[in-house]
Amino acid sequence: MDVNKFVEFREKALENVGKVIVGKKNKIDKIMVAFICSGHVLLEDVPGLGKTKLAKSLAQTLNCSFKRIQFTPDLLPSDLTGIYYYNQKTLEFEFKKGPLLSQFVLADEINRATPRTQSALLECMEERQITVEGNTLKLGRPFFVIATENPVEQFGTFPLPEAQLDRFFIKLSMGYPSYMEEIDILDRYRENDPLEELTSVISLEDIEYLQSNYVYVEVKDSIKKYIVDIIGETRKHKNIDLGASPRATIALMKGSQAHAAIHGRDYVIPEDVKEMAPAILSHRIILKAGGGAFDNKAEEVIEDILNAVHTPLEEI
């Protein structure tokens, strides 16, 4: 495994996306980790913070085909997957592809669609396939979903069930820019939208290499035990009603491997686990009602667990 390819990927992607998105390098790092691990991302934020621009700039940077789907209550599963229609010229049924047959999909305001439509997206995310009228079509690689939801407006929405939340590799919030970042945004967007001039800097061959080789990053037994200790603590913490599943355990290990690789290491250290844990675990736990000082903030609970669990010493 050539770690330099992972470092080069991170540097190129950050520089290119940084032409459109001001700051947020830490968030973009985590999204790239999810992409390398063939996972999916849930962005929960108020409108206007650049979620759509981030998704478009990432797709352009990674040289991936891109489709944006605006989720609404009247959206049907067939609107996502595609349909078979009768072609009167050829006198045969033909398949018209839906937007899910793309490499990079932005599912905008996913919680506005009905559970039936959400389940169609769920099959694609988990099984890497779609089913249309009994016919199953395998999705190509890469296949990457960024879903967004607005945490403020809840009227007319269908909250994502816990089983579906667990399918997202990470959950992030972009947050507001700093004072100087917002000044930079005004300067950058004064005349033109930099997204219109963005070019691709990553090839599909590079992506295939990254997604196939990050698993060779070494995870020592002490790190495995550390990960399992963290997961175990989520299942007995006083403020948590339902702890993380074994799927979360695997995701935390894989996320730590990819995080180590893009930072130039072929082995995982505890800091990789600590960096990825809040984004990977916060949406996979259910907090107890009236969570005390934490006020039902899942990321704060995960941080509390990280502070409580013994950190192994780095082996030399």
Foldseek 3Di string as FASTA:
>chain_A
DDLVLLQVVLVQLCVQLCLFDPDPSLVVLLVVLCLLQLFEEEEEEAPDQCPVVSLLSNCQQAVWFEDEDEAAQPDALCQAAWAWDQDPVVRDTDTDGHRQLTLEYEDEAVQLYDPNNVVQVLCCLPVQWGAYPNDIDHHDPPHYYYYYHYPPDDPNTHDDDLVSLLRGQFYYYSDHDDPVSVVVNCVSPVPHRVSVVRHYDHYPVSSVCSSVPLVQQAEDPLNLVLLVQLQVCQPPPPFFPHTADVSLSVSLVSSQSSSQSNVRHSYGAVVSSVSCVLGRGQSNTHTDPCSDPCNSRSSVVSVVSVVVGDGDDDDD
